[in-house]
């Protein structure tokens, strides 16, 4: 499983790292999250081919869901920071939320693993 978790973590960290870039790097802020989503899609397809199909959500599915959420929040942050580049109104909320989701992901996964199976 480490062969899937490490690329997933690297892609998520890469996407979060573009959040702190300034408006000057708007191209990177808008193109990195969609590229990361494509990477996650291909990585998840490879995982699904290697494992037998199950009808329930697995821990890896939760990790991919967190990765997709981080990419979506990072893209929203890049888009809004480009749209509001002239004003001080934009506070970078979506980027901060994406960083928080990634930072809390170990707790989310641990909570998922401790849920009772019914």
PDB file of N, CA and C in Angstrom:
ATOM      1  N   UNK A   1       0.804  -1.200   0.000  1.00  0.00           N
ATOM      2  CA  UNK A   1       0.000   0.000   0.000  1.00  0.00           C
ATOM      3  C   UNK A   1       0.850   1.268   0.000  1.00  0.00           C
ATOM      4  N   UNK A   2       2.078   1.176   0.459  1.00  0.00           N
ATOM      5  CA  UNK A   2       2.935   2.353   0.505  1.00  0.00           C
ATOM      6  C   UNK A   2       3.197   2.903  -0.889  1.00  0.00           C
ATOM      7  N   UNK A   3       3.154   2.037  -1.882  1.00  0.00           N
ATOM      8  CA  UNK A   3       3.367   2.494  -3.264  1.00  0.00           C
ATOM      9  C   UNK A   3       2.218   3.359  -3.766  1.00  0.00           C
ATOM     10  N   UNK A   4       1.095   3.350  -3.072  1.00  0.00           N
ATOM     11  CA  UNK A   4      -0.030   4.224  -3.431  1.00  0.00           C
ATOM     12  C   UNK A   4      -0.157   5.409  -2.472  1.00  0.00           C
ATOM     13  N   UNK A   5       0.196   5.201  -1.223  1.00  0.00           N
ATOM     14  CA  UNK A   5       0.055   6.269  -0.235  1.00  0.00           C
ATOM     15  C   UNK A   5       1.096   7.367  -0.456  1.00  0.00           C
ATOM     16  N   UNK A   6       2.328   7.004  -0.756  1.00  0.00           N
ATOM     17  CA  UNK A   6       3.372   8.017  -0.948  1.00  0.00           C
ATOM     18  C   UNK A   6       3.082   8.924  -2.150  1.00  0.00           C
ATOM     19  N   UNK A   7       2.741   8.394  -3.327  1.00  0.00           N
ATOM     20  CA  UNK A   7       2.399   9.318  -4.420  1.00  0.00           C
ATOM     21  C   UNK A   7       1.190  10.185  -4.106  1.00  0.00           C
ATOM     22  N   UNK A   8       0.232   9.615  -3.403  1.00  0.00           N
ATOM     23  CA  UNK A   8      -0.948  10.390  -3.006  1.00  0.00           C
ATOM     24  C   UNK A   8      -0.549  11.537  -2.079  1.00  0.00           C
ATOM     25  N   UNK A   9       0.322  11.268  -1.136  1.00  0.00           N
ATOM     26  CA  UNK A   9       0.790  12.313  -0.217  1.00  0.00           C
ATOM     27  C   UNK A   9       1.615  13.361  -0.951  1.00  0.00           C
ATOM     28  N   UNK A  10       2.455  12.933  -1.869  1.00  0.00           N
ATOM     29  CA  UNK A  10       3.290  13.881  -2.622  1.00  0.00           C
ATOM     30  C   UNK A  10       2.423  14.795  -3.477  1.00  0.00           C
ATOM     31  N   UNK A  11       1.434  14.236  -4.157  1.00  0.00           N
ATOM     32  CA  UNK A  11       0.547  15.053  -4.992  1.00  0.00           C
ATOM     33  C   UNK A  11      -0.233  16.041  -4.130  1.00  0.00           C
ATOM     34  N   UNK A  12      -0.713  15.602  -2.990  1.00  0.00           N
ATOM     35  CA  UNK A  12      -1.467  16.497  -2.105  1.00  0.00           C
ATOM     36  C   UNK A  12      -0.581  17.615  -1.557  1.00  0.00           C
ATOM     37  N   UNK A  13       0.643  17.280  -1.181  1.00  0.00           N
ATOM     38  CA  UNK A  13       1.562  18.310  -0.690  1.00  0.00           C
ATOM     39  C   UNK A  13       1.942  19.294  -1.788  1.00  0.00           C
ATOM     40  N   UNK A  14       2.096  18.801  -3.006  1.00  0.00           N
ATOM     41  CA  UNK A  14       2.403  19.682  -4.123  1.00  0.00           C
ATOM     42  C   UNK A  14       1.274  20.673  -4.351  1.00  0.00           C
ATOM     43  N   UNK A  15       0.049  20.199  -4.285  1.00  0.00           N
ATOM     44  CA  UNK A  15      -1.108  21.079  -4.507  1.00  0.00           C
ATOM     45  C   UNK A  15      -1.220  22.108  -3.393  1.00  0.00           C
ATOM     46  N   UNK A  16      -0.967  21.706  -2.168  1.00  0.00           N
ATOM     47  CA  UNK A  16      -1.050  22.656  -1.063  1.00  0.00           C
ATOM     48  C   UNK A  16       0.087  23.676  -1.145  1.00  0.00           C
ATOM     49  N   UNK A  17       1.217  23.281  -1.694  1.00  0.00           N
ATOM     50  CA  UNK A  17       2.353  24.210  -1.757  1.00  0.00           C
ATOM     51  C   UNK A  17       2.095  25.382  -2.703  1.00  0.00           C
ATOM     52  N   UNK A  18       1.230  25.229  -3.694  1.00  0.00           N
ATOM     53  CA  UNK A  18       0.960  26.344  -4.610  1.00  0.00           C
ATOM     54  C   UNK A  18       0.006  27.362  -4.003  1.00  0.00           C
ATOM     55  N   UNK A  19      -0.609  27.038  -2.878  1.00  0.00           N
ATOM     56  CA  UNK A  19      -1.547  27.966  -2.242  1.00  0.00           C
ATOM     57  C   UNK A  19      -0.823  29.234  -1.794  1.00  0.00           C
ATOM     58  N   UNK A  20       0.390  29.100  -1.307  1.00  0.00           N
ATOM     59  CA  UNK A  20       1.115  30.248  -0.767  1.00  0.00           C
ATOM     60  C   UNK A  20       1.786  31.102  -1.842  1.00  0.00           C
ATOM     61  N   UNK A  21       1.737  30.683  -3.099  1.00  0.00           N
ATOM     62  CA  UNK A  21       2.325  31.487  -4.165  1.00  0.00           C
ATOM     63  C   UNK A  21       1.540  32.771  -4.347  1.00  0.00           C
ATOM     64  N   UNK A  22       2.203  33.804  -4.762  1.00  0.00           N
ATOM     65  CA  UNK A  22       1.538  35.089  -4.976  1.00  0.00           C
ATOM     66  C   UNK A  22       0.740  35.098  -6.272  1.00  0.00           C
ATOM     67  N   UNK A  23       0.067  36.202  -6.487  1.00  0.00           N
ATOM     68  CA  UNK A  23      -0.769  36.363  -7.679  1.00  0.00           C
ATOM     69  C   UNK A  23       0.087  36.369  -8.945  1.00  0.00           C
ATOM     70  N   UNK A  24       1.341  36.710  -8.785  1.00  0.00           N
ATOM     71  CA  UNK A  24       2.257  36.733  -9.928  1.00  0.00           C
ATOM     72  C   UNK A  24       2.365  35.349 -10.590  1.00  0.00           C
ATOM     73  N   UNK A  25       2.189  34.307  -9.834  1.00  0.00           N
ATOM     74  CA  UNK A  25       2.283  32.934 -10.338  1.00  0.00           C
ATOM     75  C   UNK A  25       0.894  32.342 -10.570  1.00  0.00           C
ATOM     76  N   UNK A  26       0.005  33.110 -11.137  1.00  0.00           N
ATOM     77  CA  UNK A  26      -1.381  32.683 -11.314  1.00  0.00           C
ATOM     78  C   UNK A  26      -1.489  31.463 -12.221  1.00  0.00           C
ATOM     79  N   UNK A  27      -0.600  31.324 -13.203  1.00  0.00           N
ATOM     80  CA  UNK A  27      -0.670  30.161 -14.100  1.00  0.00           C
ATOM     81  C   UNK A  27      -0.423  28.862 -13.344  1.00  0.00           C
ATOM     82  N   UNK A  28       0.542  28.891 -12.454  1.00  0.00           N
ATOM     83  CA  UNK A  28       0.850  27.698 -11.660  1.00  0.00           C
ATOM     84  C   UNK A  28      -0.304  27.394 -10.707  1.00  0.00           C
ATOM     85  N   UNK A  29      -0.873  28.450 -10.114  1.00  0.00           N
ATOM     86  CA  UNK A  29      -1.967  28.250  -9.159  1.00  0.00           C
ATOM     87  C   UNK A  29      -3.209  27.673  -9.827  1.00  0.00           C
ATOM     88  N   UNK A  30      -3.380  27.945 -11.128  1.00  0.00           N
ATOM     89  CA  UNK A  30      -4.559  27.438 -11.824  1.00  0.00           C
ATOM     90  C   UNK A  30      -4.322  26.125 -12.563  1.00  0.00           C
ATOM     91  N   UNK A  31      -3.079  25.795 -12.872  1.00  0.00           N
ATOM     92  CA  UNK A  31      -2.826  24.565 -13.630  1.00  0.00           C
ATOM     93  C   UNK A  31      -2.363  23.387 -12.772  1.00  0.00           C
ATOM     94  N   UNK A  32      -1.783  23.647 -11.607  1.00  0.00           N
ATOM     95  CA  UNK A  32      -1.300  22.542 -10.775  1.00  0.00           C
ATOM     96  C   UNK A  32      -2.435  21.678 -10.215  1.00  0.00           C
ATOM     97  N   UNK A  33      -3.527  22.256  -9.684  1.00  0.00           N
ATOM     98  CA  UNK A  33      -4.589  21.386  -9.154  1.00  0.00           C
ATOM     99  C   UNK A  33      -5.255  20.479 -10.201  1.00  0.00           C
ATOM    100  N   UNK A  34      -5.587  20.965 -11.420  1.00  0.00           N
ATOM    101  CA  UNK A  34      -6.147  20.018 -12.395  1.00  0.00           C
ATOM    102  C   UNK A  34      -5.158  18.916 -12.798  1.00  0.00           C
ATOM    103  N   UNK A  35      -3.875  19.251 -12.891  1.00  0.00           N
ATOM    104  CA  UNK A  35      -2.873  18.225 -13.193  1.00  0.00           C
ATOM    105  C   UNK A  35      -2.789  17.207 -12.059  1.00  0.00           C
ATOM    106  N   UNK A  36      -2.910  17.689 -10.825  1.00  0.00           N
ATOM    107  CA  UNK A  36      -2.889  16.775  -9.681  1.00  0.00           C
ATOM    108  C   UNK A  36      -4.122  15.883  -9.657  1.00  0.00           C
ATOM    109  N   UNK A  37      -5.275  16.440 -10.037  1.00  0.00           N
ATOM    110  CA  UNK A  37      -6.493  15.619 -10.099  1.00  0.00           C
ATOM    111  C   UNK A  37      -6.336  14.512 -11.133  1.00  0.00           C
ATOM    112  N   UNK A  38      -5.746  14.837 -12.281  1.00  0.00           N
ATOM    113  CA  UNK A  38      -5.502  13.792 -13.289  1.00  0.00           C
ATOM    114  C   UNK A  38      -4.557  12.723 -12.751  1.00  0.00           C
ATOM    115  N   UNK A  39      -3.533  13.138 -12.031  1.00  0.00           N
ATOM    116  CA  UNK A  39      -2.614  12.165 -11.427  1.00  0.00           C
ATOM    117  C   UNK A  39      -3.339  11.270 -10.434  1.00  0.00           C
ATOM    118  N   UNK A  40      -4.215  11.863  -9.630  1.00  0.00           N
ATOM    119  CA  UNK A  40      -4.975  11.069  -8.662  1.00  0.00           C
ATOM    120  C   UNK A  40      -5.921  10.094  -9.347  1.00  0.00           C
ATOM    121  N   UNK A  41      -6.538  10.539 -10.443  1.00  0.00           N
ATOM    122  CA  UNK A  41      -7.447   9.647 -11.178  1.00  0.00           C
ATOM    123  C   UNK A  41      -6.698   8.430 -11.702  1.00  0.00           C
ATOM    124  N   UNK A  42      -5.545   8.649 -12.328  1.00  0.00           N
ATOM    125  CA  UNK A  42      -4.787   7.519 -12.868  1.00  0.00           C
ATOM    126  C   UNK A  42      -4.231   6.632 -11.759  1.00  0.00           C
ATOM    127  N   UNK A  43      -3.831   7.227 -10.661  1.00  0.00           N
ATOM    128  CA  UNK A  43      -3.341   6.435  -9.537  1.00  0.00           C
ATOM    129  C   UNK A  43      -4.459   5.596  -8.933  1.00  0.00           C
ATOM    130  N   UNK A  44      -5.654   6.180  -8.817  1.00  0.00           N
ATOM    131  CA  UNK A  44      -6.783   5.425  -8.272  1.00  0.00           C
ATOM    132  C   UNK A  44      -7.210   4.309  -9.224  1.00  0.00           C
ATOM    133  N   UNK A  45      -7.168   4.551 -10.523  1.00  0.00           N
ATOM    134  CA  UNK A  45      -7.501   3.496 -11.484  1.00  0.00           C
ATOM    135  C   UNK A  45      -6.506   2.347 -11.405  1.00  0.00           C
ATOM    136  N   UNK A  46      -5.237   2.664 -11.226  1.00  0.00           N
ATOM    137  CA  UNK A  46      -4.222   1.624 -11.076  1.00  0.00           C
ATOM    138  C   UNK A  46      -4.472   0.804  -9.813  1.00  0.00           C
ATOM    139  N   UNK A  47      -4.836   1.485  -8.739  1.00  0.00           N
ATOM    140  CA  UNK A  47      -5.140   0.785  -7.491  1.00  0.00           C
ATOM    141  C   UNK A  47      -6.345  -0.136  -7.660  1.00  0.00           C
ATOM    142  N   UNK A  48      -7.379   0.345  -8.332  1.00  0.00           N
ATOM    143  CA  UNK A  48      -8.579  -0.466  -8.514  1.00  0.00           C
ATOM    144  C   UNK A  48      -8.316  -1.679  -9.398  1.00  0.00           C
ATOM    145  N   UNK A  49      -7.368  -1.582 -10.311  1.00  0.00           N
ATOM    146  CA  UNK A  49      -7.027  -2.727 -11.145  1.00  0.00           C
ATOM    147  C   UNK A  49      -6.242  -3.775 -10.368  1.00  0.00           C
ATOM    148  N   UNK A  50      -5.457  -3.315  -9.393  1.00  0.00           N
ATOM    149  CA  UNK A  50      -4.625  -4.241  -8.625  1.00  0.00           C
ATOM    150  C   UNK A  50      -5.371  -4.930  -7.492  1.00  0.00           C
ATOM    151  N   UNK A  51      -6.451  -4.324  -7.012  1.00  0.00           N
ATOM    152  CA  UNK A  51      -7.191  -4.895  -5.884  1.00  0.00           C
ATOM    153  C   UNK A  51      -8.533  -5.451  -6.346  1.00  0.00           C
ATOM    154  N   UNK A  52      -9.052  -6.433  -5.633  1.00  0.00           N
ATOM    155  CA  UNK A  52     -10.393  -6.927  -5.994  1.00  0.00           C
ATOM    156  C   UNK A  52     -11.456  -5.876  -5.653  1.00  0.00           C
ATOM    157  N   UNK A  53     -12.527  -5.864  -6.424  1.00  0.00           N
ATOM    158  CA  UNK A  53     -13.599  -4.900  -6.208  1.00  0.00           C
ATOM    159  C   UNK A  53     -14.423  -5.238  -4.970  1.00  0.00           C
ATOM    160  N   UNK A  54     -14.760  -4.218  -4.213  1.00  0.00           N
ATOM    161  CA  UNK A  54     -15.609  -4.378  -3.037  1.00  0.00           C
ATOM    162  C   UNK A  54     -16.749  -3.374  -3.130  1.00  0.00           C
ATOM    163  N   UNK A  55     -17.817  -3.630  -2.405  1.00  0.00           N
ATOM    164  CA  UNK A  55     -18.996  -2.774  -2.503  1.00  0.00           C
ATOM    165  C   UNK A  55     -19.003  -1.650  -1.467  1.00  0.00           C
ATOM    166  N   UNK A  56     -18.021  -1.601  -0.613  1.00  0.00           N
ATOM    167  CA  UNK A  56     -17.989  -0.589   0.440  1.00  0.00           C
ATOM    168  C   UNK A  56     -16.773   0.316   0.251  1.00  0.00           C
ATOM    169  N   UNK A  57     -16.786   1.433   0.960  1.00  0.00           N
ATOM    170  CA  UNK A  57     -15.699   2.401   0.872  1.00  0.00           C
ATOM    171  C   UNK A  57     -14.528   1.933   1.731  1.00  0.00           C
ATOM    172  N   UNK A  58     -13.347   1.898   1.134  1.00  0.00           N
ATOM    173  CA  UNK A  58     -12.157   1.462   1.850  1.00  0.00           C
ATOM    174  C   UNK A  58     -11.383   2.669   2.378  1.00  0.00           C
ATOM    175  N   UNK A  59     -10.363   2.389   3.147  1.00  0.00           N
ATOM    176  CA  UNK A  59      -9.518   3.448   3.690  1.00  0.00           C
ATOM    177  C   UNK A  59      -8.794   4.186   2.559  1.00  0.00           C
ATOM    178  N   UNK A  60      -8.363   3.476   1.543  1.00  0.00           N
ATOM    179  CA  UNK A  60      -7.699   4.128   0.399  1.00  0.00           C
ATOM    180  C   UNK A  60      -8.678   5.032  -0.343  1.00  0.00           C
ATOM    181  N   UNK A  61      -9.930   4.628  -0.439  1.00  0.00           N
ATOM    182  CA  UNK A  61     -10.934   5.492  -1.061  1.00  0.00           C
ATOM    183  C   UNK A  61     -11.077   6.793  -0.283  1.00  0.00           C
ATOM    184  N   UNK A  62     -11.035   6.702   1.046  1.00  0.00           N
ATOM    185  CA  UNK A  62     -11.108   7.900   1.874  1.00  0.00           C
ATOM    186  C   UNK A  62      -9.892   8.794   1.653  1.00  0.00           C
ATOM    187  N   UNK A  63      -8.719   8.192   1.531  1.00  0.00           N
ATOM    188  CA  UNK A  63      -7.513   8.975   1.278  1.00  0.00           C
ATOM    189  C   UNK A  63      -7.581   9.678  -0.078  1.00  0.00           C
ATOM    190  N   UNK A  64      -8.100   8.983  -1.075  1.00  0.00           N
ATOM    191  CA  UNK A  64      -8.261   9.624  -2.387  1.00  0.00           C
ATOM    192  C   UNK A  64      -9.311  10.728  -2.325  1.00  0.00           C
ATOM    193  N   UNK A  65     -10.368  10.526  -1.572  1.00  0.00           N
ATOM    194  CA  UNK A  65     -11.384  11.562  -1.413  1.00  0.00           C
ATOM    195  C   UNK A  65     -10.782  12.816  -0.776  1.00  0.00           C
ATOM    196  N   UNK A  66      -9.946  12.631   0.228  1.00  0.00           N
ATOM    197  CA  UNK A  66      -9.264  13.766   0.852  1.00  0.00           C
ATOM    198  C   UNK A  66      -8.351  14.455  -0.163  1.00  0.00           C
ATOM    199  N   UNK A  67      -7.636  13.676  -0.964  1.00  0.00           N
ATOM    200  CA  UNK A  67      -6.773  14.253  -1.994  1.00  0.00           C
ATOM    201  C   UNK A  67      -7.557  15.064  -3.013  1.00  0.00           C
ATOM    202  N   UNK A  68      -8.703  14.539  -3.451  1.00  0.00           N
ATOM    203  CA  UNK A  68      -9.549  15.282  -4.390  1.00  0.00           C
ATOM    204  C   UNK A  68     -10.069  16.572  -3.752  1.00  0.00           C
ATOM    205  N   UNK A  69     -10.445  16.502  -2.485  1.00  0.00           N
ATOM    206  CA  UNK A  69     -10.952  17.689  -1.786  1.00  0.00           C
ATOM    207  C   UNK A  69      -9.867  18.764  -1.668  1.00  0.00           C
ATOM    208  N   UNK A  70      -8.646  18.343  -1.348  1.00  0.00           N
ATOM    209  CA  UNK A  70      -7.533  19.289  -1.254  1.00  0.00           C
ATOM    210  C   UNK A  70      -7.272  19.937  -2.611  1.00  0.00           C
ATOM    211  N   UNK A  71      -7.328  19.156  -3.683  1.00  0.00           N
ATOM    212  CA  UNK A  71      -7.122  19.704  -5.033  1.00  0.00           C
ATOM    213  C   UNK A  71      -8.228  20.691  -5.394  1.00  0.00           C
ATOM    214  N   UNK A  72      -9.450  20.357  -5.081  1.00  0.00           N
ATOM    215  CA  UNK A  72     -10.571  21.240  -5.386  1.00  0.00           C
ATOM    216  C   UNK A  72     -10.466  22.551  -4.613  1.00  0.00           C
ATOM    217  N   UNK A  73     -10.132  22.483  -3.332  1.00  0.00           N
ATOM    218  CA  UNK A  73      -9.982  23.693  -2.534  1.00  0.00           C
ATOM    219  C   UNK A  73      -8.802  24.539  -3.008  1.00  0.00           C
ATOM    220  N   UNK A  74      -7.728  23.894  -3.414  1.00  0.00           N
ATOM    221  CA  UNK A  74      -6.577  24.633  -3.920  1.00  0.00           C
ATOM    222  C   UNK A  74      -6.912  25.326  -5.236  1.00  0.00           C
ATOM    223  N   UNK A  75      -7.665  24.658  -6.096  1.00  0.00           N
ATOM    224  CA  UNK A  75      -8.067  25.281  -7.357  1.00  0.00           C
ATOM    225  C   UNK A  75      -8.999  26.459  -7.098  1.00  0.00           C
ATOM    226  N   UNK A  76      -9.944  26.304  -6.176  1.00  0.00           N
ATOM    227  CA  UNK A  76     -10.845  27.410  -5.837  1.00  0.00           C
ATOM    228  C   UNK A  76     -10.056  28.583  -5.273  1.00  0.00           C
ATOM    229  N   UNK A  77      -9.042  28.294  -4.472  1.00  0.00           N
ATOM    230  CA  UNK A  77      -8.209  29.355  -3.931  1.00  0.00           C
ATOM    231  C   UNK A  77      -7.459  30.088  -5.045  1.00  0.00           C
ATOM    232  N   UNK A  78      -6.888  29.337  -5.980  1.00  0.00           N
ATOM    233  CA  UNK A  78      -6.175  29.966  -7.090  1.00  0.00           C
ATOM    234  C   UNK A  78      -7.082  30.794  -7.964  1.00  0.00           C
ATOM    235  N   UNK A  79      -8.259  30.287  -8.235  1.00  0.00           N
ATOM    236  CA  UNK A  79      -9.208  31.006  -9.075  1.00  0.00           C
ATOM    237  C   UNK A  79      -9.669  32.296  -8.406  1.00  0.00           C
ATOM    238  N   UNK A  80     -10.037  32.205  -7.149  1.00  0.00           N
ATOM    239  CA  UNK A  80     -10.509  33.399  -6.446  1.00  0.00           C
ATOM    240  C   UNK A  80      -9.388  34.405  -6.202  1.00  0.00           C
ATOM    241  N   UNK A  81      -8.174  33.928  -5.974  1.00  0.00           N
ATOM    242  CA  UNK A  81      -7.078  34.875  -5.779  1.00  0.00           C
ATOM    243  C   UNK A  81      -6.757  35.612  -7.072  1.00  0.00           C
ATOM    244  N   UNK A  82      -6.964  34.961  -8.218  1.00  0.00           N
ATOM    245  CA  UNK A  82      -6.773  35.657  -9.494  1.00  0.00           C
ATOM    246  C   UNK A  82      -7.909  36.633  -9.772  1.00  0.00           C
ATOM    247  N   UNK A  83      -9.124  36.259  -9.431  1.00  0.00           N
ATOM    248  CA  UNK A  83     -10.259  37.147  -9.665  1.00  0.00           C
ATOM    249  C   UNK A  83     -10.227  38.375  -8.769  1.00  0.00           C
ATOM    250  N   UNK A  84      -9.778  38.201  -7.531  1.00  0.00           N
ATOM    251  CA  UNK A  84      -9.742  39.302  -6.577  1.00  0.00           C
ATOM    252  C   UNK A  84      -8.320  39.790  -6.336  1.00  0.00           C
ATOM    253  N   UNK A  85      -7.481  39.747  -7.355  1.00  0.00           N
ATOM    254  CA  UNK A  85      -6.076  40.121  -7.181  1.00  0.00           C
ATOM    255  C   UNK A  85      -5.898  41.598  -6.865  1.00  0.00           C
ATOM    256  N   UNK A  86      -6.851  42.442  -7.269  1.00  0.00           N
ATOM    257  CA  UNK A  86      -6.727  43.882  -7.040  1.00  0.00           C
ATOM    258  C   UNK A  86      -7.274  44.328  -5.692  1.00  0.00           C
ATOM    259  N   UNK A  87      -7.996  43.471  -5.020  1.00  0.00           N
ATOM    260  CA  UNK A  87      -8.633  43.914  -3.779  1.00  0.00           C
ATOM    261  C   UNK A  87      -8.057  43.173  -2.581  1.00  0.00           C
ATOM    262  N   UNK A  88      -8.290  43.719  -1.441  1.00  0.00           N
ATOM    263  CA  UNK A  88      -7.862  43.105  -0.182  1.00  0.00           C
ATOM    264  C   UNK A  88      -8.966  42.258   0.429  1.00  0.00           C
ATOM    265  N   UNK A  89     -10.076  42.095  -0.299  1.00  0.00           N
ATOM    266  CA  UNK A  89     -11.217  41.363   0.253  1.00  0.00           C
ATOM    267  C   UNK A  89     -10.950  39.871   0.363  1.00  0.00           C
ATOM    268  N   UNK A  90     -10.168  39.328  -0.549  1.00  0.00           N
ATOM    269  CA  UNK A  90      -9.947  37.885  -0.538  1.00  0.00           C
ATOM    270  C   UNK A  90      -8.918  37.522   0.523  1.00  0.00           C
ATOM    271  N   UNK A  91      -9.289  36.640   1.406  1.00  0.00           N
ATOM    272  CA  UNK A  91      -8.444  36.272   2.537  1.00  0.00           C
ATOM    273  C   UNK A  91      -7.760  34.919   2.370  1.00  0.00           C
ATOM    274  N   UNK A  92      -7.968  34.247   1.256  1.00  0.00           N
ATOM    275  CA  UNK A  92      -7.350  32.942   1.051  1.00  0.00           C
ATOM    276  C   UNK A  92      -7.997  31.836   1.860  1.00  0.00           C
ATOM    277  N   UNK A  93      -9.296  31.929   2.074  1.00  0.00           N
ATOM    278  CA  UNK A  93      -9.992  30.976   2.931  1.00  0.00           C
ATOM    279  C   UNK A  93      -9.928  29.550   2.384  1.00  0.00           C
ATOM    280  N   UNK A  94     -10.126  29.395   1.073  1.00  0.00           N
ATOM    281  CA  UNK A  94     -10.144  28.040   0.513  1.00  0.00           C
ATOM    282  C   UNK A  94      -8.763  27.384   0.581  1.00  0.00           C
ATOM    283  N   UNK A  95      -7.724  28.160   0.378  1.00  0.00           N
ATOM    284  CA  UNK A  95      -6.376  27.616   0.506  1.00  0.00           C
ATOM    285  C   UNK A  95      -6.070  27.191   1.928  1.00  0.00           C
ATOM    286  N   UNK A  96      -6.489  28.028   2.887  1.00  0.00           N
ATOM    287  CA  UNK A  96      -6.283  27.680   4.299  1.00  0.00           C
ATOM    288  C   UNK A  96      -7.096  26.448   4.673  1.00  0.00           C
ATOM    289  N   UNK A  97      -8.300  26.342   4.130  1.00  0.00           N
ATOM    290  CA  UNK A  97      -9.139  25.178   4.394  1.00  0.00           C
ATOM    291  C   UNK A  97      -8.524  23.915   3.797  1.00  0.00           C
ATOM    292  N   UNK A  98      -7.948  24.021   2.598  1.00  0.00           N
ATOM    293  CA  UNK A  98      -7.269  22.882   1.986  1.00  0.00           C
ATOM    294  C   UNK A  98      -6.078  22.422   2.803  1.00  0.00           C
ATOM    295  N   UNK A  99      -5.295  23.389   3.322  1.00  0.00           N
ATOM    296  CA  UNK A  99      -4.162  23.046   4.182  1.00  0.00           C
ATOM    297  C   UNK A  99      -4.636  22.369   5.466  1.00  0.00           C
ATOM    298  N   UNK A 100      -5.748  22.859   6.016  1.00  0.00           N
ATOM    299  CA  UNK A 100      -6.284  22.262   7.239  1.00  0.00           C
ATOM    300  C   UNK A 100      -6.774  20.841   6.993  1.00  0.00           C
ATOM    301  N   UNK A 101      -7.436  20.615   5.865  1.00  0.00           N
ATOM    302  CA  UNK A 101      -7.922  19.269   5.537  1.00  0.00           C
ATOM    303  C   UNK A 101      -6.750  18.307   5.400  1.00  0.00           C
ATOM    304  N   UNK A 102      -5.688  18.754   4.722  1.00  0.00           N
ATOM    305  CA  UNK A 102      -4.524  17.886   4.560  1.00  0.00           C
ATOM    306  C   UNK A 102      -3.838  17.636   5.904  1.00  0.00           C
ATOM    307  N   UNK A 103      -3.753  18.671   6.749  1.00  0.00           N
ATOM    308  CA  UNK A 103      -3.118  18.499   8.059  1.00  0.00           C
ATOM    309  C   UNK A 103      -3.932  17.572   8.959  1.00  0.00           C
ATOM    310  N   UNK A 104      -5.253  17.617   8.832  1.00  0.00           N
ATOM    311  CA  UNK A 104      -6.115  16.775   9.665  1.00  0.00           C
ATOM    312  C   UNK A 104      -6.382  15.400   9.064  1.00  0.00           C
ATOM    313  N   UNK A 105      -5.869  15.136   7.878  1.00  0.00           N
ATOM    314  CA  UNK A 105      -6.165  13.866   7.213  1.00  0.00           C
ATOM    315  C   UNK A 105      -5.746  12.630   8.009  1.00  0.00           C
ATOM    316  N   UNK A 106      -4.608  12.634   8.719  1.00  0.00           N
ATOM    317  CA  UNK A 106      -4.327  11.445   9.545  1.00  0.00           C
ATOM    318  C   UNK A 106      -5.382  11.194  10.616  1.00  0.00           C
ATOM    319  N   UNK A 107      -5.897  12.273  11.208  1.00  0.00           N
ATOM    320  CA  UNK A 107      -6.955  12.107  12.214  1.00  0.00           C
ATOM    321  C   UNK A 107      -8.257  11.630  11.578  1.00  0.00           C
ATOM    322  N   UNK A 108      -8.550  12.115  10.379  1.00  0.00           N
ATOM    323  CA  UNK A 108      -9.757  11.687   9.672  1.00  0.00           C
ATOM    324  C   UNK A 108      -9.679  10.197   9.352  1.00  0.00           C
ATOM    325  N   UNK A 109      -8.523   9.765   8.855  1.00  0.00           N
ATOM    326  CA  UNK A 109      -8.350   8.349   8.510  1.00  0.00           C
ATOM    327  C   UNK A 109      -8.384   7.490   9.775  1.00  0.00           C
ATOM    328  N   UNK A 110      -7.749   7.958  10.833  1.00  0.00           N
ATOM    329  CA  UNK A 110      -7.775   7.189  12.083  1.00  0.00           C
ATOM    330  C   UNK A 110      -9.197   7.080  12.633  1.00  0.00           C
ATOM    331  N   UNK A 111      -9.941   8.171  12.555  1.00  0.00           N
ATOM    332  CA  UNK A 111     -11.341   8.126  12.975  1.00  0.00           C
ATOM    333  C   UNK A 111     -12.158   7.171  12.132  1.00  0.00           C
ATOM    334  N   UNK A 112     -11.875   7.150  10.843  1.00  0.00           N
ATOM    335  CA  UNK A 112     -12.558   6.229   9.940  1.00  0.00           C
ATOM    336  C   UNK A 112     -12.268   4.776  10.320  1.00  0.00           C
ATOM    337  N   UNK A 113     -11.018   4.503  10.672  1.00  0.00           N
ATOM    338  CA  UNK A 113     -10.627   3.137  11.020  1.00  0.00           C
ATOM    339  C   UNK A 113     -11.196   2.684  12.361  1.00  0.00           C
ATOM    340  N   UNK A 114     -11.525   3.617  13.245  1.00  0.00           N
ATOM    341  CA  UNK A 114     -12.056   3.223  14.547  1.00  0.00           C
ATOM    342  C   UNK A 114     -13.576   3.135  14.580  1.00  0.00           C
ATOM    343  N   UNK A 115     -14.238   3.447  13.458  1.00  0.00           N
ATOM    344  CA  UNK A 115     -15.691   3.325  13.419  1.00  0.00           C
ATOM    345  C   UNK A 115     -16.090   1.858  13.541  1.00  0.00           C
ATOM    346  N   UNK A 116     -17.128   1.572  14.304  1.00  0.00           N
ATOM    347  CA  UNK A 116     -17.554   0.170  14.426  1.00  0.00           C
ATOM    348  C   UNK A 116     -18.191  -0.297  13.113  1.00  0.00           C
ATOM    349  N   UNK A 117     -17.913  -1.524  12.762  1.00  0.00           N
ATOM    350  CA  UNK A 117     -18.502  -2.124  11.558  1.00  0.00           C
ATOM    351  C   UNK A 117     -19.822  -2.750  11.947  1.00  0.00           C
ATOM    352  N   UNK A 118     -20.859  -2.338  11.237  1.00  0.00           N
ATOM    353  CA  UNK A 118     -22.191  -2.874  11.576  1.00  0.00           C
ATOM    354  C   UNK A 118     -22.590  -3.998  10.673  1.00  0.00           C
TER     355      UNK A 118
END
